[in-house]
């Protein structure tokens, strides 16, 4: 299949290199020194998975690529609003769009069912720009589990993990999911097809809403957060608030707060994506990870005091450091 990977940073370049190495037709869409390095020398992968180079096409202009079979969105959630209107040249009659951002995606309530069906969340789709540009009927959801980082332009360090869970918004086991999973598996990636991809998102979100803002404020790794009694209690309280939102949606997460805390301890000295962005001077995915939970709390009449507190503090942090990001 023909793939375009939009936002080919650490995760996108890693996936693109794996797919390209296995023989798929891949174009990476990126920018800056990382793009120039990939254009000149290809993508170099190092780390747990081994060392190899791949040479997919790399560009900063979607208009030069043409329609693709699979459009994989791995850019940061806050960048999608500006990028979405530029994606039209990549989308043909049969193009599948794989949404692989952190947090709650813009299409979350598409084919959700029940009273929340079709709910618009302004925090993740301001003005409806994304949903106007990308038909949600094209979307396959994806939850990303690998940990990667760019150690220098064009060079991706693979820390651990190869799992990319995918699923249709309506829970069906579609032919397009099977084709996508086959391509990923052929490339050496794990790609389970989930009948409730939102469940995977919510379980990951339970940790993200807690650990990301705390790590940004305290400059702390996961194990440091859970080993400090005060921040461990704060993380647990935020998770309980996320669970209360899930219950309002009629959902049981099926994992305890203690399990999530112990899971973070096992990961060790891992820096969350928000901490990595703070250290690199990049904009934070605050709205998609935490702001969306505050917006849902408003819609549901839930107080969410701990979530709102860390949201307010990180939002102020982004304002006071804006010139540095």
C-alpha atoms as a PDB file:
ATOM      1  CA  UNK A   1       0.000   0.000   0.000  1.00  0.00           C
ATOM      2  CA  UNK A   2       0.950   3.625  -0.438  1.00  0.00           C
ATOM      3  CA  UNK A   3       1.445   5.376   2.915  1.00  0.00           C
ATOM      4  CA  UNK A   4       1.822   9.044   3.798  1.00  0.00           C
ATOM      5  CA  UNK A   5       2.933   9.727   7.367  1.00  0.00           C
ATOM      6  CA  UNK A   6       2.106  13.258   8.457  1.00  0.00           C
ATOM      7  CA  UNK A   7       4.153  14.514  11.370  1.00  0.00           C
ATOM      8  CA  UNK A   8       7.135  12.214  10.900  1.00  0.00           C
ATOM      9  CA  UNK A   9       8.858  12.971  14.184  1.00  0.00           C
ATOM     10  CA  UNK A  10      10.141  10.232  16.473  1.00  0.00           C
ATOM     11  CA  UNK A  11       7.122   7.896  16.203  1.00  0.00           C
ATOM     12  CA  UNK A  12       6.221   8.758  12.604  1.00  0.00           C
ATOM     13  CA  UNK A  13       9.762   8.347  11.317  1.00  0.00           C
ATOM     14  CA  UNK A  14      10.109   5.071  13.234  1.00  0.00           C
ATOM     15  CA  UNK A  15       6.907   3.637  11.724  1.00  0.00           C
ATOM     16  CA  UNK A  16       7.804   4.954   8.293  1.00  0.00           C
ATOM     17  CA  UNK A  17      11.263   3.409   8.411  1.00  0.00           C
ATOM     18  CA  UNK A  18       9.863   0.041   9.520  1.00  0.00           C
ATOM     19  CA  UNK A  19       7.228   0.055   6.762  1.00  0.00           C
ATOM     20  CA  UNK A  20       9.705   1.228   4.126  1.00  0.00           C
ATOM     21  CA  UNK A  21      12.217  -1.459   5.095  1.00  0.00           C
ATOM     22  CA  UNK A  22       9.530  -4.100   4.574  1.00  0.00           C
ATOM     23  CA  UNK A  23       8.812  -2.863   1.042  1.00  0.00           C
ATOM     24  CA  UNK A  24       5.864  -0.496   1.479  1.00  0.00           C
ATOM     25  CA  UNK A  25       5.638   2.745  -0.520  1.00  0.00           C
ATOM     26  CA  UNK A  26       6.138   5.420   2.164  1.00  0.00           C
ATOM     27  CA  UNK A  27       6.315   9.215   2.113  1.00  0.00           C
ATOM     28  CA  UNK A  28       7.244  11.076   5.287  1.00  0.00           C
ATOM     29  CA  UNK A  29       5.917  14.598   5.795  1.00  0.00           C
ATOM     30  CA  UNK A  30       7.991  16.563   8.271  1.00  0.00           C
ATOM     31  CA  UNK A  31       9.813  19.876   8.635  1.00  0.00           C
ATOM     32  CA  UNK A  32      12.981  21.552   9.831  1.00  0.00           C
ATOM     33  CA  UNK A  33      16.447  19.993  10.308  1.00  0.00           C
ATOM     34  CA  UNK A  34      14.892  16.552  10.883  1.00  0.00           C
ATOM     35  CA  UNK A  35      13.298  16.676   7.421  1.00  0.00           C
ATOM     36  CA  UNK A  36      16.499  17.833   5.753  1.00  0.00           C
ATOM     37  CA  UNK A  37      18.481  15.056   7.413  1.00  0.00           C
ATOM     38  CA  UNK A  38      15.970  12.417   6.281  1.00  0.00           C
ATOM     39  CA  UNK A  39      16.066  13.791   2.734  1.00  0.00           C
ATOM     40  CA  UNK A  40      19.865  13.694   2.657  1.00  0.00           C
ATOM     41  CA  UNK A  41      20.660  10.505   4.594  1.00  0.00           C
ATOM     42  CA  UNK A  42      17.385   8.645   5.134  1.00  0.00           C
ATOM     43  CA  UNK A  43      16.015   7.595   8.505  1.00  0.00           C
ATOM     44  CA  UNK A  44      18.459   5.929  10.866  1.00  0.00           C
ATOM     45  CA  UNK A  45      16.964   3.752  13.607  1.00  0.00           C
ATOM     46  CA  UNK A  46      18.954   2.759  16.688  1.00  0.00           C
ATOM     47  CA  UNK A  47      18.098   1.130  20.005  1.00  0.00           C
ATOM     48  CA  UNK A  48      16.247  -1.908  21.286  1.00  0.00           C
ATOM     49  CA  UNK A  49      15.005  -2.968  17.868  1.00  0.00           C
ATOM     50  CA  UNK A  50      18.509  -2.899  16.387  1.00  0.00           C
ATOM     51  CA  UNK A  51      20.173  -0.597  13.889  1.00  0.00           C
ATOM     52  CA  UNK A  52      19.161   0.012  10.297  1.00  0.00           C
ATOM     53  CA  UNK A  53      18.603   2.736   7.726  1.00  0.00           C
ATOM     54  CA  UNK A  54      15.609   3.299   5.466  1.00  0.00           C
ATOM     55  CA  UNK A  55      15.143   5.750   2.616  1.00  0.00           C
ATOM     56  CA  UNK A  56      11.487   6.669   2.185  1.00  0.00           C
ATOM     57  CA  UNK A  57      10.604   9.869   0.327  1.00  0.00           C
ATOM     58  CA  UNK A  58      10.503  12.870   2.686  1.00  0.00           C
ATOM     59  CA  UNK A  59       8.875  16.246   2.027  1.00  0.00           C
ATOM     60  CA  UNK A  60       7.204  19.180   3.767  1.00  0.00           C
ATOM     61  CA  UNK A  61       4.538  19.610   1.077  1.00  0.00           C
ATOM     62  CA  UNK A  62       1.521  17.242   1.030  1.00  0.00           C
ATOM     63  CA  UNK A  63       0.497  18.644  -2.360  1.00  0.00           C
ATOM     64  CA  UNK A  64       3.486  16.915  -4.035  1.00  0.00           C
ATOM     65  CA  UNK A  65       2.498  13.419  -2.891  1.00  0.00           C
ATOM     66  CA  UNK A  66      -0.925  12.740  -4.395  1.00  0.00           C
ATOM     67  CA  UNK A  67      -3.647  10.428  -3.052  1.00  0.00           C
ATOM     68  CA  UNK A  68      -2.517   7.562  -0.824  1.00  0.00           C
ATOM     69  CA  UNK A  69      -4.071   4.356   0.490  1.00  0.00           C
ATOM     70  CA  UNK A  70      -3.260   5.147   4.125  1.00  0.00           C
ATOM     71  CA  UNK A  71      -2.784   8.566   5.660  1.00  0.00           C
ATOM     72  CA  UNK A  72      -1.179   8.069   9.067  1.00  0.00           C
ATOM     73  CA  UNK A  73      -1.412  11.072  11.399  1.00  0.00           C
ATOM     74  CA  UNK A  74       1.414  11.014  13.954  1.00  0.00           C
ATOM     75  CA  UNK A  75       1.803  14.760  14.409  1.00  0.00           C
ATOM     76  CA  UNK A  76       1.083  16.374  17.781  1.00  0.00           C
ATOM     77  CA  UNK A  77      -2.627  16.914  18.385  1.00  0.00           C
ATOM     78  CA  UNK A  78      -2.293  20.705  18.658  1.00  0.00           C
ATOM     79  CA  UNK A  79      -0.669  20.818  15.181  1.00  0.00           C
ATOM     80  CA  UNK A  80      -3.538  19.039  13.433  1.00  0.00           C
ATOM     81  CA  UNK A  81      -5.850  22.071  13.278  1.00  0.00           C
ATOM     82  CA  UNK A  82      -3.427  23.963  11.053  1.00  0.00           C
ATOM     83  CA  UNK A  83      -2.421  20.895   9.035  1.00  0.00           C
ATOM     84  CA  UNK A  84      -5.879  19.398   8.395  1.00  0.00           C
ATOM     85  CA  UNK A  85      -6.901  21.762   5.555  1.00  0.00           C
ATOM     86  CA  UNK A  86      -3.600  20.964   3.780  1.00  0.00           C
ATOM     87  CA  UNK A  87      -4.292  17.217   3.669  1.00  0.00           C
ATOM     88  CA  UNK A  88      -6.808  17.280   0.788  1.00  0.00           C
ATOM     89  CA  UNK A  89      -4.241  16.334  -1.922  1.00  0.00           C
ATOM     90  CA  UNK A  90      -3.444  13.125  -0.017  1.00  0.00           C
ATOM     91  CA  UNK A  91      -7.050  11.976   0.239  1.00  0.00           C
ATOM     92  CA  UNK A  92      -8.556   9.979  -2.610  1.00  0.00           C
ATOM     93  CA  UNK A  93     -11.879   8.097  -2.787  1.00  0.00           C
ATOM     94  CA  UNK A  94     -10.518   5.064  -0.885  1.00  0.00           C
ATOM     95  CA  UNK A  95      -8.023   6.707   1.475  1.00  0.00           C
ATOM     96  CA  UNK A  96      -8.047   5.492   5.078  1.00  0.00           C
ATOM     97  CA  UNK A  97      -6.973   7.983   7.747  1.00  0.00           C
ATOM     98  CA  UNK A  98      -5.260   6.465  10.791  1.00  0.00           C
ATOM     99  CA  UNK A  99      -5.497   8.785  13.795  1.00  0.00           C
ATOM    100  CA  UNK A 100      -2.552   8.179  16.142  1.00  0.00           C
ATOM    101  CA  UNK A 101      -2.403  11.269  18.368  1.00  0.00           C
ATOM    102  CA  UNK A 102      -2.142  11.358  22.136  1.00  0.00           C
ATOM    103  CA  UNK A 103      -5.275  12.076  24.140  1.00  0.00           C
ATOM    104  CA  UNK A 104      -8.897  12.077  23.010  1.00  0.00           C
ATOM    105  CA  UNK A 105      -9.183  12.438  19.206  1.00  0.00           C
ATOM    106  CA  UNK A 106     -11.512  14.835  17.407  1.00  0.00           C
ATOM    107  CA  UNK A 107     -13.636  11.927  16.064  1.00  0.00           C
ATOM    108  CA  UNK A 108     -14.120  10.277  19.468  1.00  0.00           C
ATOM    109  CA  UNK A 109     -17.926  10.630  19.557  1.00  0.00           C
ATOM    110  CA  UNK A 110     -18.426   9.594  15.914  1.00  0.00           C
ATOM    111  CA  UNK A 111     -20.380   6.298  15.934  1.00  0.00           C
ATOM    112  CA  UNK A 112     -20.136   6.375  19.702  1.00  0.00           C
ATOM    113  CA  UNK A 113     -23.824   5.750  20.254  1.00  0.00           C
ATOM    114  CA  UNK A 114     -26.023   6.899  23.117  1.00  0.00           C
ATOM    115  CA  UNK A 115     -26.638  10.424  24.333  1.00  0.00           C
ATOM    116  CA  UNK A 116     -23.091  11.587  23.571  1.00  0.00           C
ATOM    117  CA  UNK A 117     -23.204  10.606  19.886  1.00  0.00           C
ATOM    118  CA  UNK A 118     -21.801  13.411  17.726  1.00  0.00           C
ATOM    119  CA  UNK A 119     -20.598  15.570  20.642  1.00  0.00           C
ATOM    120  CA  UNK A 120     -18.188  18.285  19.487  1.00  0.00           C
ATOM    121  CA  UNK A 121     -15.201  19.066  21.710  1.00  0.00           C
ATOM    122  CA  UNK A 122     -13.864  22.552  21.082  1.00  0.00           C
ATOM    123  CA  UNK A 123     -10.667  21.885  23.036  1.00  0.00           C
ATOM    124  CA  UNK A 124      -9.467  19.353  20.458  1.00  0.00           C
ATOM    125  CA  UNK A 125     -11.191  20.623  17.294  1.00  0.00           C
ATOM    126  CA  UNK A 126     -11.429  24.427  17.521  1.00  0.00           C
ATOM    127  CA  UNK A 127     -14.149  25.683  15.193  1.00  0.00           C
ATOM    128  CA  UNK A 128     -14.655  22.188  13.769  1.00  0.00           C
ATOM    129  CA  UNK A 129     -11.760  22.703  11.329  1.00  0.00           C
ATOM    130  CA  UNK A 130     -10.471  19.127  11.587  1.00  0.00           C
ATOM    131  CA  UNK A 131     -13.849  17.425  11.200  1.00  0.00           C
ATOM    132  CA  UNK A 132     -14.604  19.651   8.189  1.00  0.00           C
ATOM    133  CA  UNK A 133     -11.315  18.622   6.556  1.00  0.00           C
ATOM    134  CA  UNK A 134     -11.308  14.888   7.387  1.00  0.00           C
ATOM    135  CA  UNK A 135     -14.462  12.826   7.006  1.00  0.00           C
ATOM    136  CA  UNK A 136     -14.664  10.747  10.218  1.00  0.00           C
ATOM    137  CA  UNK A 137     -15.984   7.841   8.127  1.00  0.00           C
ATOM    138  CA  UNK A 138     -12.410   7.473   6.821  1.00  0.00           C
ATOM    139  CA  UNK A 139     -10.915   7.111  10.287  1.00  0.00           C
ATOM    140  CA  UNK A 140      -9.327   4.111  11.967  1.00  0.00           C
ATOM    141  CA  UNK A 141      -8.309   4.778  15.562  1.00  0.00           C
ATOM    142  CA  UNK A 142      -4.798   3.925  16.715  1.00  0.00           C
ATOM    143  CA  UNK A 143      -3.170   3.849  20.154  1.00  0.00           C
ATOM    144  CA  UNK A 144       0.622   4.130  20.083  1.00  0.00           C
ATOM    145  CA  UNK A 145       2.633   2.256  22.734  1.00  0.00           C
ATOM    146  CA  UNK A 146       6.293   2.383  21.601  1.00  0.00           C
ATOM    147  CA  UNK A 147       8.663   4.876  23.182  1.00  0.00           C
ATOM    148  CA  UNK A 148      11.029   6.676  20.802  1.00  0.00           C
ATOM    149  CA  UNK A 149      13.003   9.905  20.662  1.00  0.00           C
ATOM    150  CA  UNK A 150      14.943  11.905  18.080  1.00  0.00           C
ATOM    151  CA  UNK A 151      18.549  11.935  19.282  1.00  0.00           C
ATOM    152  CA  UNK A 152      19.708  14.046  16.347  1.00  0.00           C
ATOM    153  CA  UNK A 153      18.048  15.089  13.082  1.00  0.00           C
ATOM    154  CA  UNK A 154      17.226  11.989  11.071  1.00  0.00           C
ATOM    155  CA  UNK A 155      18.210   9.603  13.876  1.00  0.00           C
ATOM    156  CA  UNK A 156      15.516   7.929  15.983  1.00  0.00           C
ATOM    157  CA  UNK A 157      16.301   6.062  19.195  1.00  0.00           C
ATOM    158  CA  UNK A 158      13.861   3.207  19.789  1.00  0.00           C
ATOM    159  CA  UNK A 159      13.565   2.818  23.553  1.00  0.00           C
ATOM    160  CA  UNK A 160      11.027   0.007  23.693  1.00  0.00           C
ATOM    161  CA  UNK A 161       7.766  -1.366  22.301  1.00  0.00           C
ATOM    162  CA  UNK A 162       6.337  -2.181  18.860  1.00  0.00           C
ATOM    163  CA  UNK A 163       2.569  -2.266  19.547  1.00  0.00           C
ATOM    164  CA  UNK A 164       0.099  -0.122  17.616  1.00  0.00           C
ATOM    165  CA  UNK A 165      -3.472  -1.081  18.548  1.00  0.00           C
ATOM    166  CA  UNK A 166      -6.036  -0.176  15.875  1.00  0.00           C
ATOM    167  CA  UNK A 167      -9.810  -0.296  15.599  1.00  0.00           C
ATOM    168  CA  UNK A 168     -12.881   1.007  13.805  1.00  0.00           C
ATOM    169  CA  UNK A 169     -14.973   3.639  15.617  1.00  0.00           C
ATOM    170  CA  UNK A 170     -17.998   1.298  15.382  1.00  0.00           C
ATOM    171  CA  UNK A 171     -16.052  -1.721  16.673  1.00  0.00           C
ATOM    172  CA  UNK A 172     -16.299  -3.763  13.463  1.00  0.00           C
ATOM    173  CA  UNK A 173     -13.465  -5.957  12.199  1.00  0.00           C
ATOM    174  CA  UNK A 174     -13.170  -4.360   8.782  1.00  0.00           C
ATOM    175  CA  UNK A 175     -11.179  -5.417   5.756  1.00  0.00           C
ATOM    176  CA  UNK A 176      -9.252  -2.141   5.852  1.00  0.00           C
ATOM    177  CA  UNK A 177      -8.178  -2.863   9.443  1.00  0.00           C
ATOM    178  CA  UNK A 178      -7.011  -6.326   8.418  1.00  0.00           C
ATOM    179  CA  UNK A 179      -5.002  -4.920   5.497  1.00  0.00           C
ATOM    180  CA  UNK A 180      -3.405  -2.293   7.705  1.00  0.00           C
ATOM    181  CA  UNK A 181      -2.575  -4.833  10.424  1.00  0.00           C
ATOM    182  CA  UNK A 182      -1.029  -7.149   7.828  1.00  0.00           C
ATOM    183  CA  UNK A 183       1.258  -4.340   6.613  1.00  0.00           C
ATOM    184  CA  UNK A 184       2.336  -3.468  10.152  1.00  0.00           C
ATOM    185  CA  UNK A 185       2.945  -7.101  11.105  1.00  0.00           C
ATOM    186  CA  UNK A 186       4.958  -7.674   7.929  1.00  0.00           C
ATOM    187  CA  UNK A 187       7.065  -4.677   8.975  1.00  0.00           C
ATOM    188  CA  UNK A 188       7.838  -6.252  12.366  1.00  0.00           C
ATOM    189  CA  UNK A 189       5.280  -4.289  14.370  1.00  0.00           C
ATOM    190  CA  UNK A 190       2.540  -5.623  16.622  1.00  0.00           C
ATOM    191  CA  UNK A 191      -0.888  -4.487  15.455  1.00  0.00           C
ATOM    192  CA  UNK A 192      -3.858  -5.995  17.332  1.00  0.00           C
ATOM    193  CA  UNK A 193      -7.292  -5.101  15.965  1.00  0.00           C
ATOM    194  CA  UNK A 194      -9.501  -3.965  18.828  1.00  0.00           C
ATOM    195  CA  UNK A 195     -13.298  -4.112  18.891  1.00  0.00           C
ATOM    196  CA  UNK A 196     -13.314  -1.189  21.346  1.00  0.00           C
ATOM    197  CA  UNK A 197     -10.371   1.044  20.455  1.00  0.00           C
ATOM    198  CA  UNK A 198     -11.801   3.767  22.701  1.00  0.00           C
ATOM    199  CA  UNK A 199     -11.193   1.523  25.709  1.00  0.00           C
ATOM    200  CA  UNK A 200      -7.470   1.426  24.881  1.00  0.00           C
ATOM    201  CA  UNK A 201      -7.527   5.210  24.533  1.00  0.00           C
ATOM    202  CA  UNK A 202      -9.258   5.682  27.871  1.00  0.00           C
ATOM    203  CA  UNK A 203      -6.893   3.396  29.763  1.00  0.00           C
ATOM    204  CA  UNK A 204      -3.885   5.208  28.313  1.00  0.00           C
ATOM    205  CA  UNK A 205      -5.618   8.528  28.999  1.00  0.00           C
ATOM    206  CA  UNK A 206      -6.056   7.610  32.662  1.00  0.00           C
ATOM    207  CA  UNK A 207      -2.298   7.736  33.100  1.00  0.00           C
ATOM    208  CA  UNK A 208      -1.619  10.555  30.639  1.00  0.00           C
ATOM    209  CA  UNK A 209      -3.969  13.047  32.313  1.00  0.00           C
ATOM    210  CA  UNK A 210      -2.180  12.459  35.620  1.00  0.00           C
ATOM    211  CA  UNK A 211       1.463  11.923  34.726  1.00  0.00           C
ATOM    212  CA  UNK A 212       1.924  14.419  31.887  1.00  0.00           C
ATOM    213  CA  UNK A 213       1.006  17.656  33.703  1.00  0.00           C
ATOM    214  CA  UNK A 214       2.684  16.595  36.956  1.00  0.00           C
ATOM    215  CA  UNK A 215       5.875  15.741  35.070  1.00  0.00           C
ATOM    216  CA  UNK A 216       5.803  19.092  33.254  1.00  0.00           C
ATOM    217  CA  UNK A 217       5.390  21.018  36.495  1.00  0.00           C
ATOM    218  CA  UNK A 218       7.824  18.982  38.594  1.00  0.00           C
ATOM    219  CA  UNK A 219      10.286  18.056  35.804  1.00  0.00           C
ATOM    220  CA  UNK A 220       9.989  14.489  37.081  1.00  0.00           C
ATOM    221  CA  UNK A 221      10.072  11.026  35.525  1.00  0.00           C
ATOM    222  CA  UNK A 222       7.334   8.455  36.073  1.00  0.00           C
ATOM    223  CA  UNK A 223       9.106   6.624  38.861  1.00  0.00           C
ATOM    224  CA  UNK A 224       9.923   9.899  40.624  1.00  0.00           C
ATOM    225  CA  UNK A 225       6.235  10.868  40.537  1.00  0.00           C
ATOM    226  CA  UNK A 226       5.023   7.594  42.052  1.00  0.00           C
ATOM    227  CA  UNK A 227       7.828   7.335  44.626  1.00  0.00           C
ATOM    228  CA  UNK A 228       7.029  10.750  46.078  1.00  0.00           C
ATOM    229  CA  UNK A 229       4.040  10.230  48.436  1.00  0.00           C
ATOM    230  CA  UNK A 230       2.469  13.619  47.668  1.00  0.00           C
ATOM    231  CA  UNK A 231       2.634  13.389  43.878  1.00  0.00           C
ATOM    232  CA  UNK A 232       1.599   9.726  44.010  1.00  0.00           C
ATOM    233  CA  UNK A 233      -1.562  10.778  45.871  1.00  0.00           C
ATOM    234  CA  UNK A 234      -2.148  13.602  43.404  1.00  0.00           C
ATOM    235  CA  UNK A 235      -1.757  11.264  40.428  1.00  0.00           C
ATOM    236  CA  UNK A 236      -4.188   8.815  42.025  1.00  0.00           C
ATOM    237  CA  UNK A 237      -6.715  11.589  42.665  1.00  0.00           C
ATOM    238  CA  UNK A 238      -6.554  12.734  39.028  1.00  0.00           C
ATOM    239  CA  UNK A 239      -7.027   9.145  37.847  1.00  0.00           C
ATOM    240  CA  UNK A 240     -10.101   8.858  40.057  1.00  0.00           C
ATOM    241  CA  UNK A 241     -11.490  11.972  38.374  1.00  0.00           C
ATOM    242  CA  UNK A 242     -10.805  10.508  34.912  1.00  0.00           C
ATOM    243  CA  UNK A 243     -12.616   7.370  36.052  1.00  0.00           C
ATOM    244  CA  UNK A 244     -15.613   9.495  37.091  1.00  0.00           C
ATOM    245  CA  UNK A 245     -15.793  10.918  33.554  1.00  0.00           C
ATOM    246  CA  UNK A 246     -15.662   7.391  32.136  1.00  0.00           C
ATOM    247  CA  UNK A 247     -18.492   6.306  34.415  1.00  0.00           C
ATOM    248  CA  UNK A 248     -20.618   9.235  33.172  1.00  0.00           C
ATOM    249  CA  UNK A 249     -20.103   7.790  29.706  1.00  0.00           C
ATOM    250  CA  UNK A 250     -21.288   4.410  31.001  1.00  0.00           C
ATOM    251  CA  UNK A 251     -17.806   2.896  30.897  1.00  0.00           C
ATOM    252  CA  UNK A 252     -15.852   0.715  33.292  1.00  0.00           C
ATOM    253  CA  UNK A 253     -12.134   1.091  32.641  1.00  0.00           C
ATOM    254  CA  UNK A 254     -11.349  -2.353  34.032  1.00  0.00           C
ATOM    255  CA  UNK A 255      -8.043  -1.319  35.614  1.00  0.00           C
ATOM    256  CA  UNK A 256      -7.463  -0.041  39.121  1.00  0.00           C
ATOM    257  CA  UNK A 257      -5.675   3.164  40.028  1.00  0.00           C
ATOM    258  CA  UNK A 258      -3.137   1.165  42.031  1.00  0.00           C
ATOM    259  CA  UNK A 259      -2.405  -0.958  38.941  1.00  0.00           C
ATOM    260  CA  UNK A 260      -1.726   2.192  36.915  1.00  0.00           C
ATOM    261  CA  UNK A 261       0.550   3.577  39.640  1.00  0.00           C
ATOM    262  CA  UNK A 262       2.477   0.321  39.906  1.00  0.00           C
ATOM    263  CA  UNK A 263       2.716   0.163  36.116  1.00  0.00           C
ATOM    264  CA  UNK A 264       4.390   3.584  36.084  1.00  0.00           C
ATOM    265  CA  UNK A 265       6.869   2.442  38.724  1.00  0.00           C
ATOM    266  CA  UNK A 266       7.857  -0.514  36.520  1.00  0.00           C
ATOM    267  CA  UNK A 267       8.512   1.781  33.544  1.00  0.00           C
ATOM    268  CA  UNK A 268      11.097   3.598  35.637  1.00  0.00           C
ATOM    269  CA  UNK A 269      12.876   6.816  34.682  1.00  0.00           C
ATOM    270  CA  UNK A 270      10.731   7.530  31.632  1.00  0.00           C
ATOM    271  CA  UNK A 271      10.025  11.120  30.655  1.00  0.00           C
ATOM    272  CA  UNK A 272       6.459  11.789  29.567  1.00  0.00           C
ATOM    273  CA  UNK A 273       5.856  13.396  26.177  1.00  0.00           C
ATOM    274  CA  UNK A 274       4.919  16.643  27.930  1.00  0.00           C
ATOM    275  CA  UNK A 275       8.163  16.717  29.900  1.00  0.00           C
ATOM    276  CA  UNK A 276      10.150  16.001  26.737  1.00  0.00           C
ATOM    277  CA  UNK A 277       8.358  18.894  25.016  1.00  0.00           C
ATOM    278  CA  UNK A 278       9.028  21.238  27.948  1.00  0.00           C
ATOM    279  CA  UNK A 279      12.735  20.398  27.878  1.00  0.00           C
ATOM    280  CA  UNK A 280      12.897  20.827  24.101  1.00  0.00           C
ATOM    281  CA  UNK A 281      11.001  24.122  24.151  1.00  0.00           C
ATOM    282  CA  UNK A 282       8.123  22.727  22.087  1.00  0.00           C
ATOM    283  CA  UNK A 283       4.393  23.485  22.489  1.00  0.00           C
ATOM    284  CA  UNK A 284       2.565  21.066  24.777  1.00  0.00           C
ATOM    285  CA  UNK A 285      -0.355  18.767  23.961  1.00  0.00           C
ATOM    286  CA  UNK A 286      -2.189  20.236  26.926  1.00  0.00           C
ATOM    287  CA  UNK A 287      -5.671  20.532  25.419  1.00  0.00           C
ATOM    288  CA  UNK A 288      -5.814  17.052  23.875  1.00  0.00           C
ATOM    289  CA  UNK A 289      -4.597  15.402  27.072  1.00  0.00           C
ATOM    290  CA  UNK A 290      -5.932  17.546  29.945  1.00  0.00           C
ATOM    291  CA  UNK A 291      -8.067  20.357  28.531  1.00  0.00           C
ATOM    292  CA  UNK A 292     -10.417  17.868  26.898  1.00  0.00           C
ATOM    293  CA  UNK A 293     -11.039  16.258  30.288  1.00  0.00           C
ATOM    294  CA  UNK A 294     -11.877  19.676  31.764  1.00  0.00           C
ATOM    295  CA  UNK A 295     -14.287  20.328  28.866  1.00  0.00           C
ATOM    296  CA  UNK A 296     -15.981  16.954  29.403  1.00  0.00           C
ATOM    297  CA  UNK A 297     -16.208  17.754  33.118  1.00  0.00           C
ATOM    298  CA  UNK A 298     -18.009  21.003  32.257  1.00  0.00           C
ATOM    299  CA  UNK A 299     -20.464  19.171  29.992  1.00  0.00           C
ATOM    300  CA  UNK A 300     -21.113  16.541  32.663  1.00  0.00           C
ATOM    301  CA  UNK A 301     -21.269  18.849  35.673  1.00  0.00           C
ATOM    302  CA  UNK A 302     -18.247  17.247  37.342  1.00  0.00           C
ATOM    303  CA  UNK A 303     -15.936  19.299  39.572  1.00  0.00           C
ATOM    304  CA  UNK A 304     -12.620  17.508  38.768  1.00  0.00           C
ATOM    305  CA  UNK A 305     -10.692  19.761  41.204  1.00  0.00           C
ATOM    306  CA  UNK A 306      -7.276  18.117  40.887  1.00  0.00           C
ATOM    307  CA  UNK A 307      -7.435  17.883  37.096  1.00  0.00           C
ATOM    308  CA  UNK A 308      -8.491  21.527  36.836  1.00  0.00           C
ATOM    309  CA  UNK A 309      -5.693  22.617  39.169  1.00  0.00           C
ATOM    310  CA  UNK A 310      -2.862  20.995  37.231  1.00  0.00           C
ATOM    311  CA  UNK A 311      -4.470  22.143  33.961  1.00  0.00           C
ATOM    312  CA  UNK A 312      -4.483  25.750  35.179  1.00  0.00           C
ATOM    313  CA  UNK A 313      -0.870  25.551  36.353  1.00  0.00           C
ATOM    314  CA  UNK A 314       0.440  24.023  33.123  1.00  0.00           C
ATOM    315  CA  UNK A 315      -1.597  26.476  31.052  1.00  0.00           C
ATOM    316  CA  UNK A 316       0.039  29.358  32.922  1.00  0.00           C
ATOM    317  CA  UNK A 317       3.425  27.672  32.436  1.00  0.00           C
ATOM    318  CA  UNK A 318       2.864  27.601  28.663  1.00  0.00           C
ATOM    319  CA  UNK A 319       2.004  31.309  28.732  1.00  0.00           C
ATOM    320  CA  UNK A 320       4.987  32.385  30.848  1.00  0.00           C
ATOM    321  CA  UNK A 321       7.428  30.337  28.755  1.00  0.00           C
ATOM    322  CA  UNK A 322       5.816  31.032  25.358  1.00  0.00           C
ATOM    323  CA  UNK A 323       8.844  32.835  24.018  1.00  0.00           C
ATOM    324  CA  UNK A 324      10.986  29.797  24.821  1.00  0.00           C
ATOM    325  CA  UNK A 325       8.756  27.294  22.953  1.00  0.00           C
END
